[in-house]
C-alpha cells in the first residue's frame, strides 16, 4: 500500500513543500502504525518550515500531532491492537503523512467521546495549556490572567481551562467577530483591536495593579506590553512569535520582582512520563468540552494553503489536514 507524505525540502516559504507517495514500512520493535484520520497544525509548524526552529536535516517531515486508527502492531507491543483509536503529539515531529510508525509509548488511547478531529486539533494545544496553567504558573481560583489571541487555537483552550479553574480571564483579540467567539469561551473581559492600549486597559480592569500572569504567543513588541501588564511579582510567559521576532527586553522592565518565562512544550514532552501526564490531562479536558474550535480543514496535499491561512490570522481556531 502506498501513502502520501509531505516533504519539506529546505527551510523557507510554502514552495518548499513537496507531495510524494511512499510505501509504508511495517512497525519496528515497540512501535505501532497509525493510519491518520486528522493531522493538527500549529504555529510551531510554521517555525519549523521557516527554519526558526531548524530540522536536523533536509528533506524533512514536520507536524507535531495527529489522530487515527492503529493499523499494525510491532513486536513487543501489548497495550494496543489493530483498530484502536489513538492520538499523539510532541516530538519527534513528522505527522504530515497519511500513515506513520511511532513508539507505542507516545500514543494515547482516545475515549469514545473524543473524535479524531477533536484530538488532532486540541491535543498539543491542550498539553501546552496544562503546562502553562499548572506547571509554569499555578493558576487557581482568583488568579487574574491575560491571554493574547483569545479566539485562536491555543487561546480558546487557555480561556476555557483558566475559567474552569475559576480564574478571571482578560483576553485580547483583533476583531469584534473574534471577541464574540472569545466571550463564548468564557473570557471575562476582552480588549479588541490591534491598536488597543493593552497596558492601560489591563490596569483599568485590575484597579491599577496588573494581572498575575500573562501568556503571550504574539511576540514582536507585544511581549513588552505583556510584561508591563503584569503586577509586581507576577509572571509574563512568552510562548511564540506569531507577529515576528521578539526584540531584546531590558532587564529593568522586570522591576519590581516580575518574572519572565519561556517554556517549551516540546522540551517538556521529551520526558515520556511528563508527556503522558500532560497528554492524559488534555484528553480529560477534551471530555469536558475544553477543546479548540476547528477553523478550517484542508486535504493533506493542500498543506501550502493551510500554512497560508495559518499565517494570515484569518482563521479563528485550529486548522486540520485530512489525509
Protein backbone atom coordinates (compact mmCIF):
# COMPACT_ATOMS: atom_id res chain seq x y z
CA UNK A 1 0.00 0.00 0.00
CA UNK A 2 1.27 3.48 -0.84
CA UNK A 3 0.59 6.57 1.23
CA UNK A 4 1.08 10.32 0.99
CA UNK A 5 3.97 12.09 2.64
CA UNK A 6 4.72 15.83 2.67
CA UNK A 7 8.41 16.64 2.40
CA UNK A 8 9.94 19.98 3.38
CA UNK A 9 12.91 20.21 1.04
CA UNK A 10 14.59 23.14 2.81
CA UNK A 11 13.73 25.95 5.24
CA UNK A 12 11.68 28.66 3.59
CA UNK A 13 8.26 29.54 2.23
CA UNK A 14 5.41 27.25 1.22
CA UNK A 15 7.08 26.41 -2.10
CA UNK A 16 9.46 24.16 -0.14
CA UNK A 17 6.68 21.62 0.43
CA UNK A 18 6.59 18.59 -1.86
CA UNK A 19 3.94 15.87 -2.02
CA UNK A 20 5.17 12.33 -2.60
CA UNK A 21 3.74 8.83 -2.45
CA UNK A 22 5.64 6.29 -0.38
CA UNK A 23 5.28 2.70 0.69
CA UNK A 24 4.51 2.30 4.37
CA UNK A 25 7.03 0.16 6.26
CA UNK A 26 5.96 -2.32 8.95
CA UNK A 27 6.33 -1.13 12.56
CA UNK A 28 9.54 -1.97 14.42
CA UNK A 29 10.01 -3.25 17.95
CA UNK A 30 7.81 -1.29 20.35
CA UNK A 31 6.11 0.61 17.53
CA UNK A 32 2.63 0.86 16.10
CA UNK A 33 1.47 2.02 12.68
CA UNK A 34 -1.21 4.71 12.79
CA UNK A 35 -3.41 5.47 9.80
CA UNK A 36 -4.11 9.15 10.27
CA UNK A 37 -7.67 10.43 10.14
CA UNK A 38 -6.76 14.03 11.01
CA UNK A 39 -3.49 15.92 11.42
CA UNK A 40 -3.25 19.03 13.57
CA UNK A 41 -1.36 22.16 12.60
CA UNK A 42 0.29 24.61 14.97
CA UNK A 43 2.35 27.77 14.63
CA UNK A 44 5.24 25.54 15.64
CA UNK A 45 4.93 24.03 12.15
CA UNK A 46 5.49 27.48 10.62
CA UNK A 47 8.60 27.94 12.77
CA UNK A 48 9.88 24.55 11.59
CA UNK A 49 9.09 25.38 7.96
CA UNK A 50 10.85 28.72 8.08
CA UNK A 51 13.87 27.35 9.91
CA UNK A 52 13.32 29.48 13.00
CA UNK A 53 13.48 26.11 14.72
CA UNK A 54 15.56 24.18 12.15
CA UNK A 55 15.17 20.48 11.48
CA UNK A 56 18.24 18.24 11.98
CA UNK A 57 18.43 17.54 8.23
CA UNK A 58 16.53 18.03 4.98
CA UNK A 59 14.34 16.93 3.32
CA UNK A 60 12.26 16.59 6.48
CA UNK A 61 8.71 15.85 7.54
CA UNK A 62 7.18 18.28 10.03
CA UNK A 63 3.96 18.20 12.06
CA UNK A 64 3.59 17.61 15.79
CA UNK A 65 0.18 15.98 16.32
CA UNK A 66 -2.31 13.64 14.70
CA UNK A 67 -5.05 11.13 15.45
CA UNK A 68 -6.22 7.98 13.77
CA UNK A 69 -6.56 4.20 13.89
CA UNK A 70 -3.91 1.63 14.79
CA UNK A 71 -3.21 -0.15 11.50
CA UNK A 72 -0.48 -2.53 12.64
CA UNK A 73 1.31 -3.50 15.85
CA UNK A 74 5.03 -4.23 16.08
CA UNK A 75 6.84 -6.82 18.20
CA UNK A 76 6.78 -6.21 21.94
CA UNK A 77 3.60 -4.11 21.92
CA UNK A 78 0.78 -5.42 24.10
CA UNK A 79 -1.15 -2.27 25.07
CA UNK A 80 -2.61 -1.68 21.59
CA UNK A 81 -4.31 -3.75 18.95
CA UNK A 82 -5.40 -3.10 15.39
CA UNK A 83 -8.44 -0.85 15.26
CA UNK A 84 -7.71 1.11 18.46
CA UNK A 85 -8.39 4.84 18.24
CA UNK A 86 -5.33 6.85 19.27
CA UNK A 87 -3.68 10.26 19.13
CA UNK A 88 -0.20 11.59 19.78
CA UNK A 89 1.64 14.89 19.98
CA UNK A 90 5.08 16.34 20.60
CA UNK A 91 8.49 15.13 19.50
CA UNK A 92 9.70 13.63 17.29
CA UNK A 93 7.89 15.68 14.63
CA UNK A 94 6.80 14.02 11.40
CA UNK A 95 2.98 13.95 11.31
CA UNK A 96 2.50 15.37 7.79
CA UNK A 97 1.83 11.95 6.23
CA UNK A 98 -1.14 9.62 5.87
CA UNK A 99 0.41 6.79 7.92
CA UNK A 100 3.19 6.81 10.48
CA UNK A 101 5.11 4.38 12.66
CA UNK A 102 5.66 5.71 16.18
CA UNK A 103 6.75 4.35 19.54
CA UNK A 104 3.71 2.87 21.27
CA UNK A 105 4.51 4.78 24.47
CA UNK A 106 3.85 8.04 22.60
CA UNK A 107 0.28 7.05 21.65
CA UNK A 108 -2.75 7.85 23.82
CA UNK A 109 -5.99 5.88 23.56
CA UNK A 110 -8.98 8.05 22.79
CA UNK A 111 -12.26 7.71 24.69
CA UNK A 112 -15.45 7.37 22.66
CA UNK A 113 -16.44 10.94 23.49
CA UNK A 114 -13.37 12.43 21.73
CA UNK A 115 -13.31 12.31 17.93
CA UNK A 116 -10.14 12.07 15.86
CA UNK A 117 -10.66 15.61 14.56
CA UNK A 118 -11.09 16.99 18.09
CA UNK A 119 -7.98 15.18 19.28
CA UNK A 120 -5.88 16.32 16.31
CA UNK A 121 -6.96 19.93 16.76
CA UNK A 122 -6.63 20.03 20.54
CA UNK A 123 -4.06 17.57 21.94
CA UNK A 124 -0.84 19.56 21.63
CA UNK A 125 -2.62 22.80 22.50
CA UNK A 126 -4.29 21.13 25.48
CA UNK A 127 -0.95 19.77 26.66
CA UNK A 128 0.52 23.26 26.28
CA UNK A 129 -2.36 24.76 28.26
CA UNK A 130 -1.84 22.22 31.04
CA UNK A 131 1.87 23.04 31.20
CA UNK A 132 1.18 26.79 31.21
CA UNK A 133 -1.70 26.84 33.70
CA UNK A 134 -0.48 24.22 36.19
CA UNK A 135 3.30 23.90 35.82
CA UNK A 136 4.65 27.24 34.58
CA UNK A 137 2.32 29.21 36.86
CA UNK A 138 -0.22 27.62 39.19
CA UNK A 139 -3.47 29.24 38.07
CA UNK A 140 -6.29 28.78 40.55
CA UNK A 141 -9.44 30.49 41.80
CA UNK A 142 -8.98 34.24 41.84
CA UNK A 143 -5.90 34.33 39.59
CA UNK A 144 -6.07 37.17 37.06
CA UNK A 145 -4.84 36.02 33.66
CA UNK A 146 -4.08 37.85 30.40
CA UNK A 147 -4.38 35.68 27.28
CA UNK A 148 -3.46 37.05 23.87
CA UNK A 149 -5.22 35.79 20.72
CA UNK A 150 -8.03 34.52 22.94
CA UNK A 151 -10.08 33.26 19.98
CA UNK A 152 -7.24 31.27 18.43
CA UNK A 153 -6.47 27.57 18.70
CA UNK A 154 -4.37 27.69 21.86
CA UNK A 155 -6.05 30.82 23.17
CA UNK A 156 -9.51 29.26 23.14
CA UNK A 157 -8.30 26.29 25.20
CA UNK A 158 -6.43 28.55 27.63
CA UNK A 159 -9.56 30.65 28.15
CA UNK A 160 -11.80 27.65 28.76
CA UNK A 161 -9.32 25.88 31.05
CA UNK A 162 -8.48 29.00 33.05
CA UNK A 163 -12.18 29.70 33.58
CA UNK A 164 -12.71 26.09 34.71
CA UNK A 165 -10.15 26.87 37.44
CA UNK A 166 -12.21 29.93 38.45
CA UNK A 167 -9.57 32.37 37.23
CA UNK A 168 -10.51 35.79 35.86
CA UNK A 169 -9.59 35.98 32.17
CA UNK A 170 -8.73 39.11 30.21
CA UNK A 171 -8.36 38.28 26.52
CA UNK A 172 -7.06 40.22 23.55
CA UNK A 173 -8.50 39.75 20.05
CA UNK A 174 -8.11 41.53 16.73
CA UNK A 175 -11.78 41.99 15.78
CA UNK A 176 -15.31 42.17 17.12
CA UNK A 177 -16.08 38.81 15.47
CA UNK A 178 -13.25 37.16 17.38
CA UNK A 179 -14.35 38.98 20.54
CA UNK A 180 -17.75 37.28 20.26
CA UNK A 181 -16.02 33.90 19.98
CA UNK A 182 -13.72 34.53 22.94
CA UNK A 183 -16.69 35.67 25.02
CA UNK A 184 -18.48 32.42 24.17
CA UNK A 185 -15.43 30.52 25.51
CA UNK A 186 -15.83 32.31 28.83
CA UNK A 187 -13.48 35.31 28.74
CA UNK A 188 -14.49 37.81 31.43
CA UNK A 189 -13.08 40.88 29.68
CA UNK A 190 -11.90 41.50 26.12
CA UNK A 191 -9.53 44.05 24.65
CA UNK A 192 -10.39 44.43 20.98
CA UNK A 193 -8.29 45.69 18.08
CA UNK A 194 -4.64 45.55 17.08
CA UNK A 195 -4.15 49.19 18.07
CA UNK A 196 -5.71 48.91 21.53
CA UNK A 197 -3.77 50.22 24.53
CA UNK A 198 -3.35 46.84 26.19
CA UNK A 199 -1.43 48.06 29.23
CA UNK A 200 -3.89 50.83 30.04
CA UNK A 201 -6.88 48.52 29.61
CA UNK A 202 -5.39 45.80 31.80
CA UNK A 203 -4.58 48.32 34.51
CA UNK A 204 -8.13 49.69 34.31
CA UNK A 205 -9.63 46.21 34.61
CA UNK A 206 -7.39 45.27 37.55
CA UNK A 207 -7.74 48.52 39.56
CA UNK A 208 -4.27 49.62 38.56
CA UNK A 209 -2.47 46.50 39.77
CA UNK A 210 -1.97 44.30 36.70
CA UNK A 211 -2.59 40.60 36.07
CA UNK A 212 -0.92 37.76 37.93
CA UNK A 213 0.23 36.07 34.73
CA UNK A 214 0.23 36.99 31.03
CA UNK A 215 0.51 34.41 28.23
CA UNK A 216 2.00 35.91 25.07
CA UNK A 217 2.23 33.98 21.80
CA UNK A 218 2.25 37.14 19.68
CA UNK A 219 5.87 38.20 20.01
CA UNK A 220 7.18 41.33 18.34
CA UNK A 221 6.72 44.36 20.57
CA UNK A 222 3.72 42.77 22.32
CA UNK A 223 5.88 40.99 24.90
CA UNK A 224 6.97 44.31 26.40
CA UNK A 225 3.30 45.27 26.72
CA UNK A 226 2.60 41.94 28.39
CA UNK A 227 5.37 42.50 30.93
CA UNK A 228 4.03 45.96 31.68
CA UNK A 229 0.55 44.45 32.17
CA UNK A 230 1.79 42.12 34.91
CA UNK A 231 1.58 43.06 38.60
CA UNK A 232 4.71 43.27 40.77
CA UNK A 233 5.99 39.72 41.46
CA UNK A 234 3.76 38.35 38.72
CA UNK A 235 4.91 36.49 35.59
CA UNK A 236 4.97 37.12 31.86
CA UNK A 237 5.18 33.95 29.75
CA UNK A 238 6.41 34.10 26.15
CA UNK A 239 5.24 31.13 24.09
CA UNK A 240 5.58 32.24 20.46
CA UNK A 241 6.28 34.97 17.95
CA UNK A 242 3.37 34.98 15.51
CA UNK A 243 3.90 38.71 14.84
CA UNK A 244 7.66 38.48 14.46
CA UNK A 245 10.88 38.10 16.38
CA UNK A 246 10.98 39.39 19.94
CA UNK A 247 13.39 42.30 20.42
CA UNK A 248 15.75 42.32 23.40
CA UNK A 249 13.94 43.03 26.67
CA UNK A 250 15.77 45.35 29.10
CA UNK A 251 16.10 43.65 32.47
CA UNK A 252 14.86 46.86 34.08
CA UNK A 253 11.41 46.06 32.67
CA UNK A 254 11.14 43.25 35.23
CA UNK A 255 11.24 45.61 38.20
CA UNK A 256 9.85 45.21 40.79
CA UNK A 257 10.21 41.45 41.01
CA UNK A 258 8.44 40.38 37.83
CA UNK A 259 9.39 37.04 36.27
CA UNK A 260 9.80 36.26 32.57
CA UNK A 261 9.43 32.62 31.49
CA UNK A 262 9.96 30.95 28.10
CA UNK A 263 8.64 27.36 28.41
CA UNK A 264 8.61 24.80 25.61
CA UNK A 265 6.02 22.04 25.35
CA UNK A 266 8.33 20.12 23.01
CA UNK A 267 11.10 20.17 25.62
CA UNK A 268 8.59 19.17 28.32
CA UNK A 269 7.46 16.20 26.21
CA UNK A 270 10.92 14.72 25.71
CA UNK A 271 10.37 13.06 29.10
CA UNK A 272 7.84 10.27 28.46
CA UNK A 273 6.38 10.50 31.97
CA UNK A 274 5.78 14.24 31.67
CA UNK A 275 4.44 13.76 28.16
CA UNK A 276 1.87 11.20 29.21
CA UNK A 277 0.85 13.27 32.24
CA UNK A 278 0.13 16.29 30.04
CA UNK A 279 -1.49 14.25 27.26
CA UNK A 280 -3.86 12.43 29.60
CA UNK A 281 -4.77 15.73 31.27
CA UNK A 282 -5.50 17.23 27.84
CA UNK A 283 -7.68 14.29 26.78
CA UNK A 284 -9.54 14.51 30.10
CA UNK A 285 -10.12 18.21 29.47
CA UNK A 286 -11.44 17.45 25.97
CA UNK A 287 -14.04 15.16 27.51
CA UNK A 288 -15.34 18.15 29.48
CA UNK A 289 -15.52 20.39 26.40
CA UNK A 290 -12.17 22.17 26.75
CA UNK A 291 -11.26 21.98 23.09
CA UNK A 292 -10.08 24.14 20.24
CA UNK A 293 -12.69 25.02 17.64
CA UNK A 294 -11.86 23.76 14.16
CA UNK A 295 -11.50 26.82 11.97
CA UNK A 296 -10.72 25.12 8.65
CA UNK A 297 -9.91 21.77 7.07
CA UNK A 298 -7.62 21.08 4.10
CA UNK A 299 -6.63 17.95 2.24
CA UNK A 300 -3.12 16.86 3.20
CA UNK A 301 -1.87 17.67 -0.30
CA UNK A 302 -3.08 21.27 0.19
CA UNK A 303 -0.69 21.85 3.10
CA UNK A 304 0.64 25.04 1.49
CA UNK A 305 -2.86 26.59 1.57
CA UNK A 306 -3.23 25.59 5.22
CA UNK A 307 0.04 27.34 6.10
CA UNK A 308 -1.02 30.45 4.19
CA UNK A 309 -4.25 30.63 6.20
CA UNK A 310 -2.46 29.94 9.47
CA UNK A 311 -0.02 32.81 8.89
CA UNK A 312 -2.75 35.19 7.70
CA UNK A 313 -4.52 35.12 11.07
CA UNK A 314 -7.90 34.91 9.32
CA UNK A 315 -8.94 31.64 10.88
CA UNK A 316 -10.31 31.55 14.42
CA UNK A 317 -9.48 28.15 15.82
CA UNK A 318 -7.36 25.25 14.62
CA UNK A 319 -6.62 24.20 11.05
CA UNK A 320 -6.68 20.48 10.23
CA UNK A 321 -5.09 18.46 7.45
CA UNK A 322 -7.16 15.48 6.30
CA UNK A 323 -5.31 12.60 4.56
